[in-house]
N, C-alpha and C. Protein backbone atom coordinates (compact mmCIF):
# COMPACT_ATOMS: atom_id res chain seq x y z
N MET A 1 29.33 -19.12 109.69
CA MET A 1 30.09 -20.38 109.59
C MET A 1 31.58 -20.05 109.49
N ASP A 2 32.38 -20.58 110.39
CA ASP A 2 33.83 -20.30 110.39
C ASP A 2 34.53 -21.13 109.33
N THR A 3 35.52 -20.50 108.70
CA THR A 3 36.34 -21.16 107.68
C THR A 3 37.62 -21.67 108.35
N THR A 4 38.05 -22.88 107.99
CA THR A 4 39.26 -23.49 108.56
C THR A 4 40.30 -23.72 107.48
N ILE A 5 41.56 -23.64 107.84
CA ILE A 5 42.69 -23.91 106.95
C ILE A 5 43.62 -24.88 107.66
N PHE A 6 43.88 -26.00 107.01
CA PHE A 6 44.71 -27.06 107.58
C PHE A 6 44.18 -27.51 108.94
N GLY A 7 42.84 -27.48 109.05
CA GLY A 7 42.23 -27.93 110.28
C GLY A 7 42.26 -26.91 111.40
N MET A 8 42.71 -25.68 111.12
CA MET A 8 42.78 -24.63 112.13
C MET A 8 41.83 -23.51 111.76
N ASN A 9 41.43 -22.75 112.78
CA ASN A 9 40.59 -21.59 112.56
C ASN A 9 41.39 -20.56 111.79
N ILE A 10 40.74 -19.83 110.89
CA ILE A 10 41.45 -18.88 110.02
C ILE A 10 42.11 -17.77 110.82
N LYS A 11 41.48 -17.37 111.93
CA LYS A 11 42.09 -16.32 112.74
C LYS A 11 43.37 -16.82 113.41
N THR A 12 43.29 -18.03 113.93
CA THR A 12 44.49 -18.61 114.55
C THR A 12 45.60 -18.77 113.54
N PHE A 13 45.24 -19.23 112.34
CA PHE A 13 46.24 -19.42 111.28
C PHE A 13 46.89 -18.09 110.91
N CYS A 14 46.12 -17.03 110.83
CA CYS A 14 46.68 -15.71 110.47
C CYS A 14 47.63 -15.21 111.55
N VAL A 15 47.28 -15.44 112.82
CA VAL A 15 48.17 -15.01 113.91
C VAL A 15 49.50 -15.73 113.84
N ILE A 16 49.45 -17.06 113.65
CA ILE A 16 50.70 -17.84 113.55
C ILE A 16 51.53 -17.38 112.35
N LEU A 17 50.84 -17.11 111.24
CA LEU A 17 51.53 -16.66 110.04
C LEU A 17 52.21 -15.31 110.28
N LEU A 18 51.54 -14.41 110.97
CA LEU A 18 52.13 -13.10 111.26
C LEU A 18 53.36 -13.23 112.17
N VAL A 19 53.28 -14.13 113.14
CA VAL A 19 54.44 -14.35 114.03
C VAL A 19 55.64 -14.87 113.24
N LEU A 20 55.40 -15.83 112.35
CA LEU A 20 56.49 -16.37 111.53
C LEU A 20 57.09 -15.31 110.62
N VAL A 21 56.23 -14.48 110.04
CA VAL A 21 56.73 -13.41 109.16
C VAL A 21 57.58 -12.43 109.96
N ALA A 22 57.15 -12.12 111.19
CA ALA A 22 57.93 -11.20 112.02
C ALA A 22 59.30 -11.79 112.36
N ILE A 23 59.33 -13.11 112.67
CA ILE A 23 60.62 -13.77 112.97
C ILE A 23 61.53 -13.75 111.76
N LEU A 24 60.96 -14.03 110.58
CA LEU A 24 61.76 -14.02 109.35
C LEU A 24 62.30 -12.62 109.07
N LEU A 25 61.50 -11.60 109.32
CA LEU A 25 61.98 -10.24 109.09
C LEU A 25 63.14 -9.90 110.03
N ILE A 26 63.03 -10.33 111.31
CA ILE A 26 64.12 -10.07 112.25
C ILE A 26 65.41 -10.77 111.81
N LEU A 27 65.30 -12.04 111.40
CA LEU A 27 66.47 -12.78 110.92
C LEU A 27 67.05 -12.14 109.67
N LEU A 28 66.18 -11.69 108.77
CA LEU A 28 66.65 -11.05 107.54
C LEU A 28 67.40 -9.77 107.84
N LEU A 29 66.87 -8.96 108.77
CA LEU A 29 67.55 -7.72 109.13
C LEU A 29 68.91 -8.00 109.79
N THR A 30 68.97 -9.06 110.60
CA THR A 30 70.24 -9.43 111.24
C THR A 30 71.28 -9.83 110.21
N VAL A 31 70.86 -10.64 109.23
CA VAL A 31 71.79 -11.08 108.18
C VAL A 31 72.24 -9.89 107.35
N ILE A 32 71.30 -9.00 107.00
CA ILE A 32 71.67 -7.82 106.21
C ILE A 32 72.66 -6.95 106.96
N SER A 33 72.46 -6.79 108.28
CA SER A 33 73.38 -5.98 109.08
C SER A 33 74.78 -6.57 109.08
N LYS A 34 74.89 -7.91 109.26
CA LYS A 34 76.21 -8.55 109.26
C LYS A 34 76.87 -8.44 107.89
N LEU A 35 76.08 -8.59 106.83
CA LEU A 35 76.65 -8.46 105.49
C LEU A 35 77.16 -7.05 105.24
N ASN A 36 76.45 -6.05 105.76
CA ASN A 36 76.90 -4.67 105.58
C ASN A 36 78.22 -4.42 106.32
N VAL A 37 78.33 -4.99 107.52
CA VAL A 37 79.58 -4.84 108.27
C VAL A 37 80.73 -5.48 107.52
N MET A 38 80.52 -6.69 107.00
CA MET A 38 81.57 -7.38 106.25
C MET A 38 81.91 -6.63 104.97
N ALA A 39 80.89 -6.07 104.32
CA ALA A 39 81.14 -5.32 103.10
C ALA A 39 81.97 -4.07 103.37
N ARG A 40 81.69 -3.37 104.48
CA ARG A 40 82.47 -2.19 104.81
C ARG A 40 83.92 -2.54 105.12
N LYS A 41 84.11 -3.66 105.84
CA LYS A 41 85.48 -4.09 106.14
C LYS A 41 86.23 -4.47 104.87
N TYR A 42 85.54 -5.14 103.95
CA TYR A 42 86.19 -5.55 102.70
C TYR A 42 86.56 -4.33 101.86
N GLU A 43 85.64 -3.36 101.77
CA GLU A 43 85.93 -2.15 101.01
C GLU A 43 87.08 -1.37 101.63
N ALA A 44 87.10 -1.31 102.99
CA ALA A 44 88.19 -0.59 103.63
C ALA A 44 89.53 -1.29 103.40
N LEU A 45 89.50 -2.62 103.29
CA LEU A 45 90.73 -3.37 103.09
C LEU A 45 91.25 -3.28 101.66
N MET A 46 90.34 -3.31 100.71
CA MET A 46 90.74 -3.40 99.30
C MET A 46 90.75 -2.06 98.59
N SER A 47 90.24 -1.02 99.18
CA SER A 47 90.16 0.26 98.50
C SER A 47 91.34 1.14 98.88
N GLY A 48 91.71 2.03 97.97
CA GLY A 48 92.71 3.04 98.23
C GLY A 48 94.09 2.47 98.45
N LYS A 49 94.83 3.12 99.34
CA LYS A 49 96.22 2.77 99.59
C LYS A 49 96.35 1.41 100.26
N LYS A 50 95.40 1.08 101.16
CA LYS A 50 95.47 -0.19 101.87
C LYS A 50 95.35 -1.36 100.91
N GLY A 51 94.49 -1.26 99.93
CA GLY A 51 94.34 -2.33 98.96
C GLY A 51 95.60 -2.54 98.15
N ALA A 52 96.23 -1.44 97.74
CA ALA A 52 97.48 -1.55 96.98
C ALA A 52 98.58 -2.16 97.83
N ASP A 53 98.64 -1.77 99.12
CA ASP A 53 99.65 -2.34 100.01
C ASP A 53 99.43 -3.84 100.19
N LEU A 54 98.16 -4.26 100.31
CA LEU A 54 97.87 -5.67 100.49
C LEU A 54 98.30 -6.47 99.26
N GLU A 55 98.04 -5.97 98.11
CA GLU A 55 98.44 -6.67 96.88
C GLU A 55 99.96 -6.76 96.79
N LYS A 56 100.64 -5.68 97.17
CA LYS A 56 102.10 -5.68 97.15
C LYS A 56 102.66 -6.68 98.14
N ILE A 57 102.04 -6.73 99.35
CA ILE A 57 102.51 -7.67 100.37
C ILE A 57 102.34 -9.11 99.90
N ILE A 58 101.21 -9.40 99.27
CA ILE A 58 100.97 -10.75 98.77
C ILE A 58 102.01 -11.14 97.74
N ARG A 59 102.33 -10.23 96.82
CA ARG A 59 103.34 -10.53 95.80
C ARG A 59 104.72 -10.75 96.44
N VAL A 60 105.05 -9.92 97.44
CA VAL A 60 106.34 -10.08 98.11
C VAL A 60 106.41 -11.42 98.82
N ARG A 61 105.32 -11.82 99.47
CA ARG A 61 105.32 -13.09 100.20
C ARG A 61 105.47 -14.27 99.25
N PHE A 62 104.82 -14.22 98.11
CA PHE A 62 104.96 -15.30 97.13
C PHE A 62 106.40 -15.36 96.61
N LYS A 63 107.00 -14.19 96.43
CA LYS A 63 108.39 -14.16 95.98
C LYS A 63 109.31 -14.75 97.04
N GLU A 64 109.05 -14.42 98.30
CA GLU A 64 109.85 -14.99 99.38
C GLU A 64 109.67 -16.50 99.48
N MET A 65 108.47 -16.99 99.25
CA MET A 65 108.25 -18.43 99.26
C MET A 65 109.05 -19.12 98.17
N ASP A 66 109.12 -18.51 96.99
CA ASP A 66 109.94 -19.08 95.92
C ASP A 66 111.42 -19.10 96.31
N GLN A 67 111.88 -18.04 96.99
CA GLN A 67 113.27 -18.01 97.43
C GLN A 67 113.53 -19.08 98.49
N VAL A 68 112.57 -19.29 99.39
CA VAL A 68 112.73 -20.33 100.41
C VAL A 68 112.82 -21.71 99.77
N LYS A 69 111.99 -21.98 98.78
CA LYS A 69 112.04 -23.27 98.08
C LYS A 69 113.38 -23.45 97.39
N ALA A 70 113.88 -22.38 96.75
CA ALA A 70 115.18 -22.48 96.08
C ALA A 70 116.30 -22.71 97.08
N ASN A 71 116.24 -22.02 98.24
CA ASN A 71 117.27 -22.23 99.27
C ASN A 71 117.20 -23.64 99.85
N ALA A 72 115.98 -24.16 100.01
CA ALA A 72 115.83 -25.52 100.54
C ALA A 72 116.47 -26.54 99.58
N LYS A 73 116.27 -26.36 98.30
CA LYS A 73 116.90 -27.27 97.32
C LYS A 73 118.42 -27.15 97.37
N ARG A 74 118.93 -25.91 97.51
CA ARG A 74 120.38 -25.71 97.57
C ARG A 74 120.96 -26.35 98.82
N VAL A 75 120.29 -26.16 99.97
CA VAL A 75 120.78 -26.73 101.22
C VAL A 75 120.76 -28.26 101.16
N THR A 76 119.72 -28.83 100.56
CA THR A 76 119.64 -30.29 100.43
C THR A 76 120.79 -30.82 99.58
N LYS A 77 121.08 -30.11 98.50
CA LYS A 77 122.19 -30.53 97.63
C LYS A 77 123.52 -30.43 98.37
N GLU A 78 123.73 -29.32 99.09
CA GLU A 78 124.98 -29.17 99.84
C GLU A 78 125.09 -30.22 100.94
N HIS A 79 123.96 -30.56 101.58
CA HIS A 79 123.98 -31.57 102.63
C HIS A 79 124.43 -32.92 102.07
N LYS A 80 123.93 -33.28 100.90
CA LYS A 80 124.34 -34.54 100.29
C LYS A 80 125.83 -34.53 99.95
N GLU A 81 126.33 -33.38 99.45
CA GLU A 81 127.76 -33.28 99.12
C GLU A 81 128.62 -33.38 100.38
N ILE A 82 128.16 -32.76 101.47
CA ILE A 82 128.91 -32.83 102.73
C ILE A 82 128.95 -34.26 103.24
N LYS A 83 127.83 -34.99 103.16
CA LYS A 83 127.81 -36.37 103.60
C LYS A 83 128.78 -37.23 102.80
N ARG A 84 128.83 -36.98 101.48
CA ARG A 84 129.79 -37.73 100.66
C ARG A 84 131.23 -37.39 101.05
N SER A 85 131.48 -36.12 101.38
CA SER A 85 132.83 -35.72 101.76
C SER A 85 133.22 -36.30 103.11
N LEU A 86 132.26 -36.36 104.05
CA LEU A 86 132.57 -36.87 105.38
C LEU A 86 132.95 -38.35 105.37
N LYS A 87 132.45 -39.08 104.38
CA LYS A 87 132.78 -40.50 104.31
C LYS A 87 134.28 -40.72 104.13
N SER A 88 134.95 -39.77 103.47
CA SER A 88 136.38 -39.90 103.24
C SER A 88 137.23 -39.25 104.32
N CYS A 89 136.60 -38.58 105.29
CA CYS A 89 137.35 -37.94 106.39
C CYS A 89 137.66 -38.96 107.48
N TYR A 90 138.78 -38.74 108.17
CA TYR A 90 139.16 -39.62 109.27
C TYR A 90 138.34 -39.26 110.50
N SER A 91 137.42 -40.13 110.87
CA SER A 91 136.53 -39.88 112.00
C SER A 91 136.67 -40.91 113.11
N LYS A 92 137.50 -41.92 112.92
CA LYS A 92 137.69 -42.96 113.92
C LYS A 92 139.15 -43.00 114.34
N LEU A 93 139.37 -43.04 115.65
CA LEU A 93 140.73 -42.98 116.20
C LEU A 93 140.93 -44.09 117.22
N GLY A 94 142.07 -44.76 117.09
CA GLY A 94 142.44 -45.79 118.07
C GLY A 94 143.89 -45.62 118.47
N ILE A 95 144.19 -45.63 119.78
CA ILE A 95 145.56 -45.43 120.29
C ILE A 95 145.91 -46.60 121.23
N VAL A 96 147.09 -47.14 121.04
CA VAL A 96 147.60 -48.21 121.90
C VAL A 96 149.04 -47.85 122.29
N LYS A 97 149.33 -47.82 123.60
CA LYS A 97 150.68 -47.56 124.09
C LYS A 97 151.28 -48.87 124.58
N TYR A 98 152.59 -49.05 124.31
CA TYR A 98 153.23 -50.32 124.67
C TYR A 98 154.73 -50.12 124.78
N ASP A 99 155.42 -51.15 125.25
CA ASP A 99 156.88 -51.17 125.31
C ASP A 99 157.39 -51.98 124.13
N ALA A 100 158.10 -51.31 123.21
CA ALA A 100 158.57 -51.99 122.00
C ALA A 100 159.74 -52.94 122.28
N PHE A 101 160.56 -52.61 123.28
CA PHE A 101 161.74 -53.42 123.57
C PHE A 101 161.76 -53.74 125.07
N GLU A 102 162.40 -54.86 125.40
CA GLU A 102 162.42 -55.31 126.79
C GLU A 102 163.16 -54.34 127.69
N GLN A 103 164.24 -53.72 127.18
CA GLN A 103 165.03 -52.82 128.02
C GLN A 103 164.37 -51.46 128.22
N MET A 104 163.24 -51.23 127.51
CA MET A 104 162.53 -49.95 127.62
C MET A 104 161.29 -50.13 128.49
N ALA A 105 161.00 -49.12 129.31
CA ALA A 105 159.81 -49.13 130.16
C ALA A 105 159.08 -47.79 130.03
N GLY A 106 157.91 -47.72 130.61
CA GLY A 106 157.14 -46.48 130.56
C GLY A 106 156.16 -46.39 129.40
N LYS A 107 156.15 -47.41 128.58
CA LYS A 107 155.24 -47.43 127.43
C LYS A 107 155.34 -46.16 126.59
N LEU A 108 156.58 -45.88 126.15
CA LEU A 108 156.82 -44.71 125.31
C LEU A 108 156.47 -44.97 123.85
N SER A 109 156.40 -46.22 123.45
CA SER A 109 156.01 -46.54 122.07
C SER A 109 154.49 -46.51 121.97
N PHE A 110 154.00 -46.18 120.78
CA PHE A 110 152.54 -46.09 120.62
C PHE A 110 152.16 -46.35 119.16
N VAL A 111 150.90 -46.71 119.00
CA VAL A 111 150.31 -46.94 117.68
C VAL A 111 149.04 -46.09 117.58
N ILE A 112 148.91 -45.39 116.48
CA ILE A 112 147.71 -44.58 116.23
C ILE A 112 147.07 -45.08 114.93
N ALA A 113 145.79 -45.39 115.00
CA ALA A 113 145.03 -45.81 113.81
C ALA A 113 143.99 -44.74 113.51
N LEU A 114 144.00 -44.25 112.29
CA LEU A 114 143.02 -43.26 111.82
C LEU A 114 142.25 -43.86 110.65
N LEU A 115 140.93 -43.96 110.81
CA LEU A 115 140.09 -44.59 109.79
C LEU A 115 138.92 -43.67 109.45
N ASN A 116 138.38 -43.86 108.24
CA ASN A 116 137.18 -43.13 107.85
C ASN A 116 135.96 -44.00 108.06
N GLU A 117 134.84 -43.61 107.49
CA GLU A 117 133.59 -44.35 107.71
C GLU A 117 133.66 -45.75 107.14
N ASP A 118 134.44 -45.96 106.08
CA ASP A 118 134.58 -47.28 105.47
C ASP A 118 135.72 -48.09 106.09
N ASN A 119 136.25 -47.62 107.25
CA ASN A 119 137.37 -48.29 107.91
C ASN A 119 138.62 -48.33 107.05
N SER A 120 138.80 -47.31 106.24
CA SER A 120 140.01 -47.17 105.43
C SER A 120 140.80 -45.97 105.94
N GLY A 121 142.13 -46.09 105.91
CA GLY A 121 142.98 -45.01 106.37
C GLY A 121 144.41 -45.49 106.53
N PHE A 122 144.99 -45.25 107.71
CA PHE A 122 146.37 -45.70 107.93
C PHE A 122 146.58 -45.94 109.41
N VAL A 123 147.65 -46.68 109.70
CA VAL A 123 148.08 -46.93 111.07
C VAL A 123 149.52 -46.46 111.19
N PHE A 124 149.80 -45.67 112.23
CA PHE A 124 151.12 -45.08 112.44
C PHE A 124 151.72 -45.69 113.70
N ASN A 125 152.89 -46.31 113.55
CA ASN A 125 153.56 -47.00 114.65
C ASN A 125 154.86 -46.29 114.97
N SER A 126 154.98 -45.83 116.22
CA SER A 126 156.19 -45.15 116.67
C SER A 126 156.84 -46.01 117.75
N MET A 127 158.05 -46.52 117.47
CA MET A 127 158.76 -47.43 118.37
C MET A 127 159.96 -46.70 118.97
N HIS A 128 159.99 -46.59 120.31
CA HIS A 128 161.06 -45.89 121.02
C HIS A 128 162.04 -46.90 121.58
N SER A 129 163.32 -46.58 121.41
CA SER A 129 164.40 -47.40 121.98
C SER A 129 165.48 -46.46 122.51
N ARG A 130 166.51 -47.03 123.12
CA ARG A 130 167.60 -46.20 123.63
C ARG A 130 168.40 -45.56 122.51
N GLU A 131 168.42 -46.20 121.35
CA GLU A 131 169.18 -45.66 120.23
C GLU A 131 168.42 -44.57 119.47
N GLY A 132 167.10 -44.57 119.56
CA GLY A 132 166.33 -43.57 118.83
C GLY A 132 164.87 -43.98 118.71
N CYS A 133 164.22 -43.37 117.76
CA CYS A 133 162.79 -43.61 117.54
C CYS A 133 162.57 -44.05 116.11
N PHE A 134 161.79 -45.08 115.91
CA PHE A 134 161.52 -45.61 114.58
C PHE A 134 160.02 -45.50 114.28
N ASN A 135 159.70 -44.91 113.16
CA ASN A 135 158.30 -44.66 112.80
C ASN A 135 157.93 -45.45 111.55
N TYR A 136 156.74 -46.02 111.58
CA TYR A 136 156.25 -46.80 110.45
C TYR A 136 154.79 -46.42 110.17
N ALA A 137 154.44 -46.36 108.91
CA ALA A 137 153.06 -46.07 108.51
C ALA A 137 152.60 -47.15 107.54
N LYS A 138 151.39 -47.67 107.76
CA LYS A 138 150.84 -48.73 106.92
C LYS A 138 149.43 -48.34 106.48
N GLU A 139 149.15 -48.57 105.23
CA GLU A 139 147.83 -48.23 104.69
C GLU A 139 146.81 -49.30 105.07
N ILE A 140 145.61 -48.83 105.42
CA ILE A 140 144.51 -49.72 105.78
C ILE A 140 143.37 -49.51 104.79
N ILE A 141 142.89 -50.60 104.20
CA ILE A 141 141.79 -50.54 103.24
C ILE A 141 140.66 -51.42 103.76
N LYS A 142 139.57 -50.76 104.13
CA LYS A 142 138.38 -51.45 104.67
C LYS A 142 138.75 -52.40 105.81
N GLY A 143 139.59 -51.90 106.71
CA GLY A 143 139.94 -52.65 107.90
C GLY A 143 141.04 -53.68 107.72
N GLU A 144 141.58 -53.81 106.53
CA GLU A 144 142.62 -54.79 106.26
C GLU A 144 143.86 -54.11 105.71
N SER A 145 145.01 -54.77 105.89
CA SER A 145 146.28 -54.26 105.40
C SER A 145 146.98 -55.34 104.59
N TYR A 146 147.62 -54.91 103.47
CA TYR A 146 148.38 -55.86 102.66
C TYR A 146 149.73 -56.16 103.30
N ILE A 147 150.13 -55.36 104.28
CA ILE A 147 151.39 -55.57 104.99
C ILE A 147 151.07 -56.21 106.34
N PRO A 148 151.84 -57.19 106.77
CA PRO A 148 151.57 -57.81 108.09
C PRO A 148 151.54 -56.77 109.21
N LEU A 149 150.62 -56.94 110.12
CA LEU A 149 150.42 -56.01 111.23
C LEU A 149 150.85 -56.66 112.54
N SER A 150 151.39 -55.83 113.43
CA SER A 150 151.74 -56.32 114.76
C SER A 150 150.48 -56.40 115.61
N ASP A 151 150.61 -57.02 116.77
CA ASP A 151 149.45 -57.15 117.66
C ASP A 151 148.95 -55.78 118.12
N GLU A 152 149.87 -54.87 118.41
CA GLU A 152 149.48 -53.53 118.83
C GLU A 152 148.76 -52.78 117.71
N GLU A 153 149.22 -52.95 116.49
CA GLU A 153 148.57 -52.28 115.35
C GLU A 153 147.16 -52.84 115.14
N LYS A 154 147.02 -54.16 115.26
CA LYS A 154 145.69 -54.76 115.13
C LYS A 154 144.76 -54.27 116.23
N GLU A 155 145.29 -54.14 117.44
CA GLU A 155 144.47 -53.66 118.56
C GLU A 155 144.02 -52.22 118.33
N ALA A 156 144.93 -51.38 117.82
CA ALA A 156 144.56 -49.98 117.55
C ALA A 156 143.50 -49.89 116.47
N ILE A 157 143.58 -50.73 115.46
CA ILE A 157 142.58 -50.73 114.39
C ILE A 157 141.23 -51.16 114.93
N GLU A 158 141.21 -52.19 115.78
CA GLU A 158 139.94 -52.63 116.36
C GLU A 158 139.33 -51.56 117.26
N LYS A 159 140.17 -50.84 117.99
CA LYS A 159 139.67 -49.74 118.81
C LYS A 159 139.05 -48.65 117.94
N ALA A 160 139.71 -48.35 116.83
CA ALA A 160 139.18 -47.32 115.94
C ALA A 160 137.86 -47.76 115.32
N LYS A 161 137.73 -49.04 115.00
CA LYS A 161 136.49 -49.54 114.38
C LYS A 161 135.30 -49.41 115.34
N THR A 162 135.56 -49.66 116.62
CA THR A 162 134.46 -49.71 117.58
C THR A 162 134.28 -48.41 118.37
N VAL A 163 135.00 -47.34 118.00
CA VAL A 163 134.91 -46.11 118.77
C VAL A 163 133.51 -45.51 118.73
N GLN A 164 132.84 -45.57 117.58
CA GLN A 164 131.50 -45.00 117.48
C GLN A 164 130.51 -45.82 118.31
N GLU A 165 130.67 -47.14 118.31
CA GLU A 165 129.78 -47.98 119.13
C GLU A 165 129.97 -47.68 120.61
N GLU A 166 131.22 -47.46 121.05
CA GLU A 166 131.47 -47.15 122.45
C GLU A 166 130.86 -45.81 122.82
N ILE A 167 130.96 -44.82 121.92
CA ILE A 167 130.36 -43.51 122.20
C ILE A 167 128.85 -43.63 122.32
N ASP A 168 128.23 -44.40 121.44
CA ASP A 168 126.78 -44.59 121.50
C ASP A 168 126.37 -45.29 122.80
N ASP A 169 127.17 -46.29 123.22
CA ASP A 169 126.84 -46.99 124.46
C ASP A 169 126.95 -46.07 125.67
N LEU A 170 128.00 -45.25 125.71
CA LEU A 170 128.17 -44.32 126.81
C LEU A 170 127.05 -43.30 126.85
N THR A 171 126.63 -42.83 125.67
CA THR A 171 125.55 -41.85 125.60
C THR A 171 124.25 -42.45 126.09
N ASN A 172 123.97 -43.69 125.70
CA ASN A 172 122.74 -44.35 126.14
C ASN A 172 122.76 -44.59 127.65
N GLU A 173 123.92 -45.00 128.18
CA GLU A 173 124.00 -45.23 129.62
C GLU A 173 123.79 -43.94 130.39
N THR A 174 124.34 -42.84 129.88
CA THR A 174 124.16 -41.54 130.55
C THR A 174 122.71 -41.12 130.53
N ASP A 175 122.02 -41.32 129.41
CA ASP A 175 120.61 -40.96 129.32
C ASP A 175 119.77 -41.81 130.25
N ASN A 176 120.11 -43.10 130.37
CA ASN A 176 119.33 -43.98 131.24
C ASN A 176 119.54 -43.67 132.71
N ASP A 177 120.74 -43.16 133.06
CA ASP A 177 121.04 -42.86 134.45
C ASP A 177 120.45 -41.56 134.92
N LEU A 178 119.97 -40.72 134.00
CA LEU A 178 119.40 -39.45 134.41
C LEU A 178 118.09 -39.68 135.16
N ASN A 179 118.02 -39.17 136.35
CA ASN A 179 116.81 -39.31 137.16
C ASN A 179 116.64 -38.02 137.96
N PHE A 180 115.53 -37.34 137.71
CA PHE A 180 115.30 -36.05 138.32
C PHE A 180 114.41 -36.16 139.55
N GLU A 181 114.12 -37.37 140.02
CA GLU A 181 113.32 -37.56 141.22
C GLU A 181 114.22 -38.04 142.34
N PHE A 182 114.31 -37.28 143.40
CA PHE A 182 115.17 -37.60 144.53
C PHE A 182 114.33 -37.82 145.76
N ASP A 183 114.65 -38.89 146.48
CA ASP A 183 113.93 -39.22 147.71
C ASP A 183 114.97 -39.45 148.79
N ILE A 184 115.32 -38.40 149.54
CA ILE A 184 116.35 -38.48 150.56
C ILE A 184 115.66 -38.45 151.92
N PRO A 185 115.83 -39.46 152.74
CA PRO A 185 115.20 -39.45 154.07
C PRO A 185 115.70 -38.27 154.90
N VAL A 186 114.84 -37.81 155.77
CA VAL A 186 115.17 -36.63 156.57
C VAL A 186 116.26 -36.95 157.58
N ASN A 187 116.23 -38.14 158.19
CA ASN A 187 117.16 -38.48 159.26
C ASN A 187 118.52 -38.94 158.75
N GLU A 188 118.67 -39.21 157.45
CA GLU A 188 119.93 -39.68 156.91
C GLU A 188 120.74 -38.51 156.37
N PRO A 189 122.09 -38.60 156.41
CA PRO A 189 122.91 -37.49 155.90
C PRO A 189 122.78 -37.37 154.39
N SER A 190 123.00 -36.16 153.89
CA SER A 190 122.91 -35.90 152.46
C SER A 190 124.15 -36.42 151.76
N PRO A 191 124.10 -36.63 150.43
CA PRO A 191 125.29 -37.08 149.69
C PRO A 191 126.48 -36.15 149.87
N LYS A 192 126.25 -34.85 150.00
CA LYS A 192 127.35 -33.91 150.18
C LYS A 192 128.05 -34.15 151.51
N GLN A 193 127.26 -34.39 152.58
CA GLN A 193 127.85 -34.66 153.88
C GLN A 193 128.64 -35.96 153.89
N ILE A 194 128.11 -37.00 153.21
CA ILE A 194 128.82 -38.28 153.12
C ILE A 194 130.14 -38.09 152.40
N TYR A 195 130.13 -37.33 151.30
CA TYR A 195 131.34 -37.09 150.51
C TYR A 195 132.40 -36.36 151.34
N MET A 196 132.00 -35.33 152.07
CA MET A 196 132.95 -34.57 152.89
C MET A 196 133.51 -35.44 154.00
N ALA A 197 132.67 -36.32 154.59
CA ALA A 197 133.14 -37.19 155.66
C ALA A 197 134.15 -38.20 155.14
N ASN A 198 133.90 -38.77 153.97
CA ASN A 198 134.83 -39.75 153.40
C ASN A 198 136.16 -39.11 153.05
N ASN A 199 136.14 -37.92 152.49
CA ASN A 199 137.38 -37.23 152.13
C ASN A 199 138.17 -36.83 153.37
N ALA A 200 137.47 -36.50 154.45
CA ALA A 200 138.17 -36.11 155.67
C ALA A 200 138.89 -37.30 156.29
N GLU A 201 138.36 -38.52 156.10
CA GLU A 201 138.98 -39.71 156.67
C GLU A 201 140.19 -40.17 155.88
N GLN A 202 140.28 -39.83 154.59
CA GLN A 202 141.37 -40.29 153.75
C GLN A 202 142.53 -39.31 153.83
N PRO A 203 143.77 -39.76 154.02
CA PRO A 203 144.92 -38.85 154.08
C PRO A 203 145.23 -38.30 152.70
N MET A 204 145.75 -37.09 152.66
CA MET A 204 146.12 -36.45 151.41
C MET A 204 147.45 -37.01 150.93
N GLU A 205 147.57 -37.23 149.63
CA GLU A 205 148.80 -37.74 149.04
C GLU A 205 149.42 -36.64 148.19
N ASN A 206 150.74 -36.58 148.23
CA ASN A 206 151.43 -35.56 147.45
C ASN A 206 151.57 -35.95 146.00
N GLU A 207 151.59 -37.24 145.71
CA GLU A 207 151.77 -37.70 144.36
C GLU A 207 150.55 -38.49 143.93
N VAL A 208 150.17 -38.31 142.68
CA VAL A 208 149.04 -39.03 142.11
C VAL A 208 149.52 -39.77 140.88
N GLU A 209 149.31 -41.07 140.84
CA GLU A 209 149.71 -41.88 139.70
C GLU A 209 148.57 -41.92 138.69
N ILE A 210 148.88 -41.55 137.47
CA ILE A 210 147.88 -41.50 136.39
C ILE A 210 148.22 -42.57 135.37
N ASP A 211 147.29 -43.42 135.08
CA ASP A 211 147.45 -44.47 134.09
C ASP A 211 146.89 -43.99 132.78
N VAL A 212 147.76 -43.82 131.77
CA VAL A 212 147.34 -43.28 130.47
C VAL A 212 147.19 -44.38 129.43
N ARG A 213 147.14 -45.64 129.89
CA ARG A 213 147.03 -46.72 128.92
C ARG A 213 145.73 -46.68 128.14
N ASP A 214 144.67 -46.15 128.78
CA ASP A 214 143.36 -46.15 128.14
C ASP A 214 143.05 -44.83 127.46
N ILE A 215 144.07 -44.01 127.21
CA ILE A 215 143.82 -42.72 126.52
C ILE A 215 143.38 -42.99 125.09
């Protein structure tokens, strides 16, 4: 009479059990082999001179990290101090050239406005005449002056106030105009050829008039 285990013949059950035991032994040997390799690497790393060097390197790196944190705090503090100092520096400039007197031409008179971030500073007015040159300086506090200002002085102050906005607008326009994709038809002349043709048609002039009103 055959004996059964879990509904299977005992011989079949023993065969399956032996196969499972063999698989487990193979897996166990594989794990033991990997652990031995890792153990040898760990011992080689931590033993003798190499282990001492590793410990020293770790300590040096932690010390360097502390120095980096200290330098970062110092740089942050200096950055804040520089920003506070820049607020009082003259960073806005406005120039207006004009004729101070009717008998004078060439716009030799000029007004210069120098302002800081708070629109405080001074306006310098230089008036040229046939008899000499007259210079005036007026203090500006937050865009206003306690002394009456001429139209040219007011214009120079407004130019100085809006100089940063104009720079930002020009920068944005330049960025928007950048286009690195060119599609030039084969049968049409290139921009270089058009430029050379236009210059060849225009006569050369010996004198060039330069308008410095917008300097």
